[in-house]
Amino acid sequence: MLPRRENTNTPSVLVSFEDVAVDFTQEEWQTMNNTQRALYREVMLETYNNLLSLGYSMTKPDVILKLEQESAPWTVKKSVRQKFLEYQSP
């Protein structure tokens, strides 16, 4: 026999997309291969859709908009060091 829950009036804890989303720095994103990036895209889109299916009403996060367009979660910009090295090479 399973134990009974004593207090069933405990309020549910709400979870936001930001609570369950995984963020990578631009440096981390650049070191990922295509398979890892595809897995990240798949998991993030599935997580967002799961929250919607639970009845969460939210504005679509920018990261989801970008992932749906199959682009990087942000625009990768060259660092000052990279620009300097390109300038120095003949």
N, C-alpha and C. Protein backbone atom coordinates (compact mmCIF):
# COMPACT_ATOMS: atom_id res chain seq x y z
N MET A 1 0.84 -1.17 0.00
CA MET A 1 0.00 0.00 0.00
C MET A 1 0.89 1.24 0.00
N LEU A 2 0.57 2.20 -0.83
CA LEU A 2 1.34 3.44 -0.91
C LEU A 2 0.95 4.39 0.20
N PRO A 3 1.92 5.14 0.75
CA PRO A 3 1.58 6.11 1.78
C PRO A 3 0.73 7.24 1.21
N ARG A 4 -0.18 7.76 2.04
CA ARG A 4 -1.05 8.85 1.62
C ARG A 4 -0.34 10.18 1.83
N ARG A 5 -0.62 11.10 0.94
CA ARG A 5 -0.09 12.45 1.10
C ARG A 5 -0.92 13.15 2.15
N GLU A 6 -0.24 13.74 3.09
CA GLU A 6 -0.95 14.41 4.19
C GLU A 6 -1.58 15.72 3.73
N ASN A 7 -0.82 16.56 3.03
CA ASN A 7 -1.32 17.88 2.67
C ASN A 7 -1.45 17.98 1.16
N THR A 8 -2.66 17.92 0.67
CA THR A 8 -2.89 18.02 -0.77
C THR A 8 -3.18 19.45 -1.21
N ASN A 9 -3.16 20.39 -0.26
CA ASN A 9 -3.44 21.78 -0.59
C ASN A 9 -2.17 22.59 -0.85
N THR A 10 -1.03 21.92 -1.00
CA THR A 10 0.22 22.61 -1.27
C THR A 10 0.17 23.20 -2.68
N PRO A 11 0.43 24.51 -2.81
CA PRO A 11 0.38 25.11 -4.15
C PRO A 11 1.48 24.54 -5.05
N SER A 12 1.15 24.40 -6.33
CA SER A 12 2.15 23.93 -7.29
C SER A 12 3.18 25.02 -7.52
N VAL A 13 4.38 24.58 -7.80
CA VAL A 13 5.45 25.52 -8.10
C VAL A 13 5.48 25.70 -9.62
N LEU A 14 5.40 26.94 -10.07
CA LEU A 14 5.44 27.22 -11.50
C LEU A 14 6.87 27.25 -11.99
N VAL A 15 7.06 26.77 -13.18
CA VAL A 15 8.38 26.75 -13.79
C VAL A 15 8.32 27.60 -15.05
N SER A 16 9.32 28.42 -15.24
CA SER A 16 9.38 29.24 -16.44
C SER A 16 10.32 28.59 -17.46
N PHE A 17 10.24 29.06 -18.68
CA PHE A 17 11.14 28.56 -19.72
C PHE A 17 12.59 28.81 -19.32
N GLU A 18 12.86 29.97 -18.73
CA GLU A 18 14.21 30.32 -18.32
C GLU A 18 14.74 29.36 -17.25
N ASP A 19 13.84 28.79 -16.45
CA ASP A 19 14.25 27.84 -15.41
C ASP A 19 14.78 26.55 -16.00
N VAL A 20 14.27 26.15 -17.15
CA VAL A 20 14.65 24.86 -17.72
C VAL A 20 15.51 24.98 -18.98
N ALA A 21 15.69 26.20 -19.47
CA ALA A 21 16.48 26.39 -20.69
C ALA A 21 17.98 26.23 -20.39
N VAL A 22 18.69 25.78 -21.39
CA VAL A 22 20.15 25.65 -21.30
C VAL A 22 20.75 26.72 -22.19
N ASP A 23 21.64 27.51 -21.61
CA ASP A 23 22.30 28.57 -22.36
C ASP A 23 23.78 28.26 -22.52
N PHE A 24 24.30 28.58 -23.69
CA PHE A 24 25.72 28.43 -23.94
C PHE A 24 26.31 29.80 -24.24
N THR A 25 27.56 29.98 -23.86
CA THR A 25 28.27 31.20 -24.24
C THR A 25 28.61 31.09 -25.72
N GLN A 26 28.97 32.21 -26.32
CA GLN A 26 29.37 32.17 -27.74
C GLN A 26 30.59 31.27 -27.91
N GLU A 27 31.51 31.32 -26.96
CA GLU A 27 32.71 30.48 -27.03
C GLU A 27 32.34 28.99 -26.98
N GLU A 28 31.42 28.63 -26.09
CA GLU A 28 30.97 27.24 -26.01
C GLU A 28 30.27 26.82 -27.30
N TRP A 29 29.42 27.70 -27.84
CA TRP A 29 28.70 27.40 -29.08
C TRP A 29 29.67 27.15 -30.22
N GLN A 30 30.73 27.93 -30.29
CA GLN A 30 31.70 27.79 -31.38
C GLN A 30 32.46 26.48 -31.29
N THR A 31 32.59 25.91 -30.08
CA THR A 31 33.33 24.65 -29.95
C THR A 31 32.45 23.43 -30.20
N MET A 32 31.14 23.63 -30.31
CA MET A 32 30.22 22.51 -30.53
C MET A 32 30.24 22.09 -32.00
N ASN A 33 30.11 20.79 -32.23
CA ASN A 33 30.02 20.33 -33.62
C ASN A 33 28.56 20.36 -34.07
N ASN A 34 28.32 20.07 -35.33
CA ASN A 34 26.97 20.16 -35.90
C ASN A 34 25.97 19.23 -35.21
N THR A 35 26.42 18.04 -34.83
CA THR A 35 25.55 17.10 -34.15
C THR A 35 25.12 17.64 -32.79
N GLN A 36 26.06 18.22 -32.05
CA GLN A 36 25.73 18.79 -30.75
C GLN A 36 24.78 19.98 -30.89
N ARG A 37 24.99 20.80 -31.90
CA ARG A 37 24.11 21.94 -32.13
C ARG A 37 22.71 21.48 -32.50
N ALA A 38 22.62 20.43 -33.31
CA ALA A 38 21.31 19.89 -33.71
C ALA A 38 20.58 19.31 -32.49
N LEU A 39 21.31 18.63 -31.62
CA LEU A 39 20.71 18.09 -30.41
C LEU A 39 20.21 19.22 -29.51
N TYR A 40 21.00 20.26 -29.36
CA TYR A 40 20.58 21.42 -28.57
C TYR A 40 19.30 22.01 -29.13
N ARG A 41 19.26 22.19 -30.44
CA ARG A 41 18.07 22.75 -31.09
C ARG A 41 16.86 21.87 -30.81
N GLU A 42 17.00 20.57 -31.00
CA GLU A 42 15.90 19.63 -30.80
C GLU A 42 15.39 19.67 -29.35
N VAL A 43 16.31 19.66 -28.39
CA VAL A 43 15.92 19.64 -26.98
C VAL A 43 15.25 20.95 -26.57
N MET A 44 15.78 22.07 -27.02
CA MET A 44 15.21 23.36 -26.65
C MET A 44 13.81 23.53 -27.23
N LEU A 45 13.63 23.15 -28.49
CA LEU A 45 12.30 23.26 -29.11
C LEU A 45 11.31 22.31 -28.44
N GLU A 46 11.76 21.11 -28.10
CA GLU A 46 10.89 20.16 -27.42
C GLU A 46 10.51 20.67 -26.02
N THR A 47 11.46 21.24 -25.32
CA THR A 47 11.20 21.79 -23.99
C THR A 47 10.15 22.90 -24.07
N TYR A 48 10.32 23.80 -25.03
CA TYR A 48 9.37 24.89 -25.20
C TYR A 48 7.97 24.34 -25.52
N ASN A 49 7.90 23.40 -26.44
CA ASN A 49 6.60 22.81 -26.81
C ASN A 49 5.97 22.05 -25.65
N ASN A 50 6.78 21.40 -24.82
CA ASN A 50 6.25 20.70 -23.66
C ASN A 50 5.61 21.68 -22.67
N LEU A 51 6.26 22.82 -22.45
CA LEU A 51 5.68 23.82 -21.56
C LEU A 51 4.36 24.34 -22.12
N LEU A 52 4.31 24.57 -23.43
CA LEU A 52 3.05 25.02 -24.04
C LEU A 52 1.96 23.97 -23.88
N SER A 53 2.32 22.71 -24.03
CA SER A 53 1.32 21.64 -23.92
C SER A 53 0.78 21.51 -22.50
N LEU A 54 1.54 22.01 -21.52
CA LEU A 54 1.08 22.00 -20.13
C LEU A 54 0.19 23.20 -19.81
N GLY A 55 0.00 24.05 -20.82
CA GLY A 55 -0.88 25.19 -20.63
C GLY A 55 -0.19 26.50 -20.31
N TYR A 56 1.12 26.51 -20.35
CA TYR A 56 1.83 27.76 -20.10
C TYR A 56 1.60 28.73 -21.25
N SER A 57 1.30 29.94 -20.91
CA SER A 57 1.11 30.99 -21.90
C SER A 57 2.27 31.95 -21.77
N MET A 58 3.04 32.07 -22.83
CA MET A 58 4.22 32.93 -22.78
C MET A 58 4.54 33.48 -24.15
N THR A 59 5.27 34.57 -24.15
CA THR A 59 5.79 35.10 -25.40
C THR A 59 6.93 34.19 -25.85
N LYS A 60 6.98 33.92 -27.13
CA LYS A 60 8.01 33.02 -27.64
C LYS A 60 9.40 33.66 -27.42
N PRO A 61 10.28 32.98 -26.69
CA PRO A 61 11.62 33.52 -26.44
C PRO A 61 12.41 33.69 -27.74
N ASP A 62 13.30 34.68 -27.76
CA ASP A 62 14.12 34.94 -28.94
C ASP A 62 14.92 33.71 -29.35
N VAL A 63 15.43 32.98 -28.37
CA VAL A 63 16.23 31.80 -28.71
C VAL A 63 15.40 30.78 -29.48
N ILE A 64 14.13 30.64 -29.17
CA ILE A 64 13.26 29.71 -29.88
C ILE A 64 13.01 30.20 -31.30
N LEU A 65 12.76 31.50 -31.45
CA LEU A 65 12.57 32.06 -32.80
C LEU A 65 13.78 31.78 -33.68
N LYS A 66 14.97 31.98 -33.12
CA LYS A 66 16.19 31.76 -33.90
C LYS A 66 16.39 30.28 -34.21
N LEU A 67 16.13 29.42 -33.23
CA LEU A 67 16.30 28.00 -33.46
C LEU A 67 15.30 27.47 -34.48
N GLU A 68 14.08 28.01 -34.49
CA GLU A 68 13.09 27.60 -35.48
C GLU A 68 13.55 27.98 -36.89
N GLN A 69 14.32 29.03 -37.01
CA GLN A 69 14.86 29.46 -38.31
C GLN A 69 16.18 28.75 -38.61
N GLU A 70 16.54 27.82 -37.72
CA GLU A 70 17.78 27.05 -37.85
C GLU A 70 19.02 27.93 -37.88
N SER A 71 18.98 29.03 -37.13
CA SER A 71 20.16 29.88 -37.01
C SER A 71 20.72 29.73 -35.60
N ALA A 72 21.91 30.28 -35.39
CA ALA A 72 22.53 30.24 -34.07
C ALA A 72 21.68 31.03 -33.09
N PRO A 73 21.75 30.67 -31.81
CA PRO A 73 20.95 31.39 -30.82
C PRO A 73 21.31 32.87 -30.70
N TRP A 74 22.40 33.27 -31.29
CA TRP A 74 22.82 34.67 -31.32
C TRP A 74 23.72 34.86 -32.50
N THR A 75 24.05 36.08 -32.81
CA THR A 75 24.98 36.36 -33.89
C THR A 75 26.39 36.30 -33.32
N VAL A 76 27.20 35.44 -33.90
CA VAL A 76 28.57 35.31 -33.42
C VAL A 76 29.40 36.41 -34.05
N LYS A 77 29.99 37.21 -33.19
CA LYS A 77 30.83 38.30 -33.66
C LYS A 77 32.29 37.95 -33.43
N LYS A 78 33.15 38.44 -34.28
CA LYS A 78 34.57 38.22 -34.10
C LYS A 78 35.07 39.04 -32.92
N SER A 79 35.97 38.43 -32.15
CA SER A 79 36.55 39.14 -31.03
C SER A 79 37.56 40.17 -31.54
N VAL A 80 37.90 41.10 -30.70
CA VAL A 80 38.90 42.11 -31.05
C VAL A 80 40.22 41.42 -31.39
N ARG A 81 40.56 40.37 -30.64
CA ARG A 81 41.80 39.62 -30.90
C ARG A 81 41.77 39.00 -32.30
N GLN A 82 40.64 38.38 -32.69
CA GLN A 82 40.54 37.78 -34.01
C GLN A 82 40.70 38.82 -35.11
N LYS A 83 40.08 39.98 -34.94
CA LYS A 83 40.22 41.04 -35.93
C LYS A 83 41.65 41.52 -36.01
N PHE A 84 42.31 41.64 -34.86
CA PHE A 84 43.70 42.09 -34.83
C PHE A 84 44.59 41.09 -35.56
N LEU A 85 44.37 39.79 -35.32
CA LEU A 85 45.19 38.76 -35.96
C LEU A 85 44.98 38.76 -37.48
N GLU A 86 43.75 38.98 -37.92
CA GLU A 86 43.48 39.06 -39.35
C GLU A 86 44.15 40.27 -39.97
N TYR A 87 44.16 41.37 -39.24
CA TYR A 87 44.79 42.60 -39.71
C TYR A 87 46.30 42.42 -39.84
N GLN A 88 46.90 41.64 -38.91
CA GLN A 88 48.34 41.44 -38.88
C GLN A 88 48.83 40.46 -39.95
N SER A 89 48.00 39.54 -40.39
CA SER A 89 48.45 38.56 -41.37
C SER A 89 48.52 39.20 -42.75
N PRO A 90 49.58 38.84 -43.51
CA PRO A 90 49.76 39.46 -44.85
C PRO A 90 48.77 38.99 -45.87
